[in-house]
Amino acid sequence: MMLTVRRSARAVLAALILLAPSAVAAQSLTPGTRIRVKSSQVVTPIVGTYQGLRRDTVVVIEDGTVGKLWSFTTPTIDRLEVSEGMKGGNRGPMVRWALIGAGGGAVLGWLTAAILESSSEDQYSDFLSAAVGAGLGGLAGAAYGHRVLEEHWASVPVPRRIGFAPARDGFRLSFSASF
């Protein structure tokens, strides 16, 4: 879309661009940034290194041994995310390891009660022994799962192009966007 801007409007437009919030600049992508692209062109998200924006195409080099070069046009990108690094305290590993610990703890609790009953004349409740073992194992598993690191992602806006071009009667403002 091309617009012709009058001289009086140019000053207002220049002031608006200069006074634009710096939050947009903070979220802008720089080449070399680790990103994840979710698109209708691929089955699974592509994780790689952002190379740049060529016209309306985002260029990414995929991580891994192959290192394939991917090009996504901005209308086909469903979601673009930037890596925030590896962090612990994730729900998935905590739940997984808590369940594994609870199962192992229940078996160990029951087995301990069975061994103690056979070596002495004391009687232990099989259910209570397994429940105490499951609780202790679940706590230990959740503590271990809390330490497991996973990569966190932050969604960023898909880069768009905005440009100025000289015209016979002033400047033209051109931009590309898709909805």
C-alpha atoms as a PDB file:
ATOM      1  CA  MET A   1       0.000   0.000   0.000  1.00  0.00           C
ATOM      2  CA  MET A   2       1.498   3.372  -0.987  1.00  0.00           C
ATOM      3  CA  LEU A   3       0.486   6.680   0.591  1.00  0.00           C
ATOM      4  CA  THR A   4       1.556  10.187  -0.374  1.00  0.00           C
ATOM      5  CA  VAL A   5       2.318  12.326   2.672  1.00  0.00           C
ATOM      6  CA  ARG A   6       1.973  16.142   2.716  1.00  0.00           C
ATOM      7  CA  ARG A   7       4.747  18.342   4.092  1.00  0.00           C
ATOM      8  CA  SER A   8       2.848  19.236   7.261  1.00  0.00           C
ATOM      9  CA  ALA A   9       2.020  15.608   7.890  1.00  0.00           C
ATOM     10  CA  ARG A  10       5.652  14.591   7.378  1.00  0.00           C
ATOM     11  CA  ALA A  11       6.708  16.457  10.504  1.00  0.00           C
ATOM     12  CA  VAL A  12       3.961  14.796  12.550  1.00  0.00           C
ATOM     13  CA  LEU A  13       4.842  11.383  11.114  1.00  0.00           C
ATOM     14  CA  ALA A  14       8.562  11.857  11.835  1.00  0.00           C
ATOM     15  CA  ALA A  15       7.764  12.885  15.419  1.00  0.00           C
ATOM     16  CA  LEU A  16       5.564   9.830  15.927  1.00  0.00           C
ATOM     17  CA  ILE A  17       8.252   7.503  14.608  1.00  0.00           C
ATOM     18  CA  LEU A  18      10.921   9.076  16.820  1.00  0.00           C
ATOM     19  CA  LEU A  19       8.669   8.968  19.886  1.00  0.00           C
ATOM     20  CA  ALA A  20       7.532   5.385  19.305  1.00  0.00           C
ATOM     21  CA  PRO A  21       7.828   3.177  22.386  1.00  0.00           C
ATOM     22  CA  SER A  22      11.180   1.495  22.835  1.00  0.00           C
ATOM     23  CA  ALA A  23       9.439  -1.806  23.743  1.00  0.00           C
ATOM     24  CA  VAL A  24       9.046  -2.549  20.055  1.00  0.00           C
ATOM     25  CA  ALA A  25      12.776  -2.030  19.565  1.00  0.00           C
ATOM     26  CA  ALA A  26      13.544  -4.339  22.499  1.00  0.00           C
ATOM     27  CA  GLN A  27      11.528  -7.142  20.914  1.00  0.00           C
ATOM     28  CA  SER A  28      13.031  -6.739  17.458  1.00  0.00           C
ATOM     29  CA  LEU A  29      14.984  -9.682  16.164  1.00  0.00           C
ATOM     30  CA  THR A  30      18.690  -9.453  15.467  1.00  0.00           C
ATOM     31  CA  PRO A  31      20.594 -11.926  13.300  1.00  0.00           C
ATOM     32  CA  GLY A  32      21.992 -14.755  15.401  1.00  0.00           C
ATOM     33  CA  THR A  33      19.025 -14.903  17.791  1.00  0.00           C
ATOM     34  CA  ARG A  34      17.737 -18.395  18.644  1.00  0.00           C
ATOM     35  CA  ILE A  35      14.092 -18.591  17.534  1.00  0.00           C
ATOM     36  CA  ARG A  36      11.261 -21.085  17.110  1.00  0.00           C
ATOM     37  CA  VAL A  37       8.890 -20.721  14.147  1.00  0.00           C
ATOM     38  CA  LYS A  38       5.446 -22.336  14.091  1.00  0.00           C
ATOM     39  CA  SER A  39       4.018 -22.293  10.593  1.00  0.00           C
ATOM     40  CA  SER A  40       1.419 -24.031   8.484  1.00  0.00           C
ATOM     41  CA  GLN A  41       4.244 -25.003   6.102  1.00  0.00           C
ATOM     42  CA  VAL A  42       5.814 -27.470   8.574  1.00  0.00           C
ATOM     43  CA  VAL A  43       4.514 -30.236  10.828  1.00  0.00           C
ATOM     44  CA  THR A  44       6.678 -29.430  13.856  1.00  0.00           C
ATOM     45  CA  PRO A  45       8.088 -26.043  14.875  1.00  0.00           C
ATOM     46  CA  ILE A  46      11.485 -25.165  13.436  1.00  0.00           C
ATOM     47  CA  VAL A  47      14.124 -24.202  16.020  1.00  0.00           C
ATOM     48  CA  GLY A  48      17.128 -22.387  14.671  1.00  0.00           C
ATOM     49  CA  THR A  49      19.092 -19.194  14.273  1.00  0.00           C
ATOM     50  CA  TYR A  50      17.442 -16.092  12.840  1.00  0.00           C
ATOM     51  CA  GLN A  51      19.365 -14.888   9.794  1.00  0.00           C
ATOM     52  CA  GLY A  52      17.316 -11.882   8.776  1.00  0.00           C
ATOM     53  CA  LEU A  53      14.308 -10.562   6.908  1.00  0.00           C
ATOM     54  CA  ARG A  54      14.422 -10.486   3.128  1.00  0.00           C
ATOM     55  CA  ARG A  55      11.476  -8.543   1.746  1.00  0.00           C
ATOM     56  CA  ASP A  56       8.572 -10.301   3.513  1.00  0.00           C
ATOM     57  CA  THR A  57      10.430 -13.561   4.196  1.00  0.00           C
ATOM     58  CA  VAL A  58      11.952 -14.653   7.532  1.00  0.00           C
ATOM     59  CA  VAL A  59      15.143 -16.685   6.993  1.00  0.00           C
ATOM     60  CA  VAL A  60      16.167 -19.292   9.609  1.00  0.00           C
ATOM     61  CA  ILE A  61      19.022 -21.815   9.731  1.00  0.00           C
ATOM     62  CA  GLU A  62      17.736 -24.899  11.505  1.00  0.00           C
ATOM     63  CA  ASP A  63      19.680 -26.289  14.483  1.00  0.00           C
ATOM     64  CA  GLY A  64      21.094 -29.759  14.220  1.00  0.00           C
ATOM     65  CA  THR A  65      23.524 -31.668  12.068  1.00  0.00           C
ATOM     66  CA  VAL A  66      21.761 -30.892   8.795  1.00  0.00           C
ATOM     67  CA  GLY A  67      21.382 -27.126   9.352  1.00  0.00           C
ATOM     68  CA  LYS A  68      18.781 -26.645   6.625  1.00  0.00           C
ATOM     69  CA  LEU A  69      17.972 -23.093   5.503  1.00  0.00           C
ATOM     70  CA  TRP A  70      14.263 -22.301   5.937  1.00  0.00           C
ATOM     71  CA  SER A  71      12.373 -19.344   4.445  1.00  0.00           C
ATOM     72  CA  PHE A  72       8.933 -18.438   5.781  1.00  0.00           C
ATOM     73  CA  THR A  73       6.809 -15.686   4.286  1.00  0.00           C
ATOM     74  CA  THR A  74       5.317 -13.551   7.043  1.00  0.00           C
ATOM     75  CA  PRO A  75       1.669 -14.434   6.266  1.00  0.00           C
ATOM     76  CA  THR A  76       2.397 -18.153   6.760  1.00  0.00           C
ATOM     77  CA  ILE A  77       3.975 -17.721  10.213  1.00  0.00           C
ATOM     78  CA  ASP A  78       1.521 -18.704  12.944  1.00  0.00           C
ATOM     79  CA  ARG A  79       3.841 -17.885  15.853  1.00  0.00           C
ATOM     80  CA  LEU A  80       7.385 -16.576  16.231  1.00  0.00           C
ATOM     81  CA  GLU A  81       9.190 -17.086  19.558  1.00  0.00           C
ATOM     82  CA  VAL A  82      12.571 -16.072  20.974  1.00  0.00           C
ATOM     83  CA  SER A  83      14.494 -18.267  23.410  1.00  0.00           C
ATOM     84  CA  GLU A  84      14.716 -16.961  26.981  1.00  0.00           C
ATOM     85  CA  GLY A  85      17.214 -19.660  27.965  1.00  0.00           C
ATOM     86  CA  MET A  86      17.102 -22.825  30.036  1.00  0.00           C
ATOM     87  CA  LYS A  87      15.169 -22.645  33.302  1.00  0.00           C
ATOM     88  CA  GLY A  88      14.227 -25.095  36.036  1.00  0.00           C
ATOM     89  CA  GLY A  89      11.004 -25.502  37.999  1.00  0.00           C
ATOM     90  CA  ASN A  90       8.932 -26.728  35.064  1.00  0.00           C
ATOM     91  CA  ARG A  91       5.647 -28.481  35.722  1.00  0.00           C
ATOM     92  CA  GLY A  92       6.124 -31.298  33.196  1.00  0.00           C
ATOM     93  CA  PRO A  93       9.353 -32.784  34.588  1.00  0.00           C
ATOM     94  CA  MET A  94       8.190 -32.261  38.173  1.00  0.00           C
ATOM     95  CA  VAL A  95       4.976 -34.231  37.613  1.00  0.00           C
ATOM     96  CA  ARG A  96       6.723 -36.944  35.603  1.00  0.00           C
ATOM     97  CA  TRP A  97       9.436 -37.498  38.221  1.00  0.00           C
ATOM     98  CA  ALA A  98       6.948 -37.235  41.114  1.00  0.00           C
ATOM     99  CA  LEU A  99       4.882 -40.056  39.568  1.00  0.00           C
ATOM    100  CA  ILE A 100       7.987 -42.161  38.980  1.00  0.00           C
ATOM    101  CA  GLY A 101       9.136 -41.489  42.563  1.00  0.00           C
ATOM    102  CA  ALA A 102       5.695 -42.290  43.972  1.00  0.00           C
ATOM    103  CA  GLY A 103       5.588 -45.616  42.146  1.00  0.00           C
ATOM    104  CA  GLY A 104       9.099 -46.563  43.202  1.00  0.00           C
ATOM    105  CA  GLY A 105       8.470 -45.348  46.764  1.00  0.00           C
ATOM    106  CA  ALA A 106       5.283 -47.406  47.033  1.00  0.00           C
ATOM    107  CA  VAL A 107       7.123 -50.561  45.971  1.00  0.00           C
ATOM    108  CA  LEU A 108      10.016 -49.843  48.345  1.00  0.00           C
ATOM    109  CA  GLY A 109       7.630 -49.039  51.217  1.00  0.00           C
ATOM    110  CA  TRP A 110       5.711 -52.274  50.763  1.00  0.00           C
ATOM    111  CA  LEU A 111       8.920 -54.276  50.301  1.00  0.00           C
ATOM    112  CA  THR A 112      10.448 -52.755  53.460  1.00  0.00           C
ATOM    113  CA  ALA A 113       7.317 -53.641  55.456  1.00  0.00           C
ATOM    114  CA  ALA A 114       7.389 -57.210  54.114  1.00  0.00           C
ATOM    115  CA  ILE A 115      11.079 -57.656  55.024  1.00  0.00           C
ATOM    116  CA  LEU A 116      10.562 -56.207  58.525  1.00  0.00           C
ATOM    117  CA  GLU A 117       7.519 -58.470  59.128  1.00  0.00           C
ATOM    118  CA  SER A 118       9.476 -61.588  58.147  1.00  0.00           C
ATOM    119  CA  SER A 119      12.447 -60.757  60.381  1.00  0.00           C
ATOM    120  CA  SER A 120      10.419 -59.810  63.471  1.00  0.00           C
ATOM    121  CA  GLU A 121       7.042 -60.476  65.040  1.00  0.00           C
ATOM    122  CA  ASP A 122       5.748 -56.935  64.299  1.00  0.00           C
ATOM    123  CA  GLN A 123       2.808 -56.475  61.920  1.00  0.00           C
ATOM    124  CA  TYR A 124       2.764 -53.647  59.377  1.00  0.00           C
ATOM    125  CA  SER A 125      -0.101 -52.422  57.230  1.00  0.00           C
ATOM    126  CA  ASP A 126       0.756 -53.105  53.599  1.00  0.00           C
ATOM    127  CA  PHE A 127      -1.394 -50.211  52.377  1.00  0.00           C
ATOM    128  CA  LEU A 128      -0.024 -47.696  54.895  1.00  0.00           C
ATOM    129  CA  SER A 129       3.585 -48.752  54.219  1.00  0.00           C
ATOM    130  CA  ALA A 130       3.067 -48.370  50.460  1.00  0.00           C
ATOM    131  CA  ALA A 131       1.306 -44.975  50.959  1.00  0.00           C
ATOM    132  CA  VAL A 132       4.147 -43.591  53.130  1.00  0.00           C
ATOM    133  CA  GLY A 133       6.696 -44.856  50.612  1.00  0.00           C
ATOM    134  CA  ALA A 134       4.724 -43.321  47.738  1.00  0.00           C
ATOM    135  CA  GLY A 135       4.544 -39.960  49.530  1.00  0.00           C
ATOM    136  CA  LEU A 136       8.268 -39.882  50.279  1.00  0.00           C
ATOM    137  CA  GLY A 137       9.147 -41.095  46.784  1.00  0.00           C
ATOM    138  CA  GLY A 138       6.823 -38.549  45.211  1.00  0.00           C
ATOM    139  CA  LEU A 139       8.455 -35.712  47.165  1.00  0.00           C
ATOM    140  CA  ALA A 140      11.924 -36.899  46.186  1.00  0.00           C
ATOM    141  CA  GLY A 141      10.878 -37.247  42.552  1.00  0.00           C
ATOM    142  CA  ALA A 142       9.315 -33.767  42.478  1.00  0.00           C
ATOM    143  CA  ALA A 143      12.478 -32.284  43.997  1.00  0.00           C
ATOM    144  CA  TYR A 144      14.564 -33.964  41.309  1.00  0.00           C
ATOM    145  CA  GLY A 145      12.143 -32.859  38.555  1.00  0.00           C
ATOM    146  CA  HIS A 146      12.351 -29.266  39.806  1.00  0.00           C
ATOM    147  CA  ARG A 147      16.037 -29.242  38.866  1.00  0.00           C
ATOM    148  CA  VAL A 148      15.492 -30.462  35.281  1.00  0.00           C
ATOM    149  CA  LEU A 149      16.100 -27.597  32.836  1.00  0.00           C
ATOM    150  CA  GLU A 150      13.867 -26.845  29.856  1.00  0.00           C
ATOM    151  CA  GLU A 151      14.062 -24.070  27.292  1.00  0.00           C
ATOM    152  CA  HIS A 152      11.590 -21.218  27.742  1.00  0.00           C
ATOM    153  CA  TRP A 153      10.190 -19.207  24.824  1.00  0.00           C
ATOM    154  CA  ALA A 154       8.722 -15.709  24.552  1.00  0.00           C
ATOM    155  CA  SER A 155       6.412 -14.795  21.704  1.00  0.00           C
ATOM    156  CA  VAL A 156       7.470 -11.810  19.573  1.00  0.00           C
ATOM    157  CA  PRO A 157       5.601 -10.029  16.796  1.00  0.00           C
ATOM    158  CA  VAL A 158       6.363 -11.137  13.267  1.00  0.00           C
ATOM    159  CA  PRO A 159       8.627  -8.504  11.674  1.00  0.00           C
ATOM    160  CA  ARG A 160       6.953  -6.288   9.100  1.00  0.00           C
ATOM    161  CA  ARG A 161       8.407  -3.874   6.587  1.00  0.00           C
ATOM    162  CA  ILE A 162       7.865  -0.106   6.754  1.00  0.00           C
ATOM    163  CA  GLY A 163       9.712   2.224   4.449  1.00  0.00           C
ATOM    164  CA  PHE A 164       9.889   5.725   3.052  1.00  0.00           C
ATOM    165  CA  ALA A 165      10.393   6.453  -0.626  1.00  0.00           C
ATOM    166  CA  PRO A 166      10.877   9.830  -2.294  1.00  0.00           C
ATOM    167  CA  ALA A 167       8.105  10.884  -4.643  1.00  0.00           C
ATOM    168  CA  ARG A 168       7.562  13.807  -7.008  1.00  0.00           C
ATOM    169  CA  ASP A 169       5.360  15.657  -4.521  1.00  0.00           C
ATOM    170  CA  GLY A 170       6.992  14.541  -1.239  1.00  0.00           C
ATOM    171  CA  PHE A 171       7.596  11.188   0.385  1.00  0.00           C
ATOM    172  CA  ARG A 172       5.631   7.984   0.192  1.00  0.00           C
ATOM    173  CA  LEU A 173       5.106   5.746   3.153  1.00  0.00           C
ATOM    174  CA  SER A 174       4.933   2.079   2.266  1.00  0.00           C
ATOM    175  CA  PHE A 175       4.253  -0.802   4.604  1.00  0.00           C
ATOM    176  CA  SER A 176       3.347  -4.442   4.375  1.00  0.00           C
ATOM    177  CA  ALA A 177       1.147  -6.234   6.837  1.00  0.00           C
ATOM    178  CA  SER A 178      -1.121  -9.254   6.781  1.00  0.00           C
ATOM    179  CA  PHE A 179      -3.982 -10.275   9.003  1.00  0.00           C
END
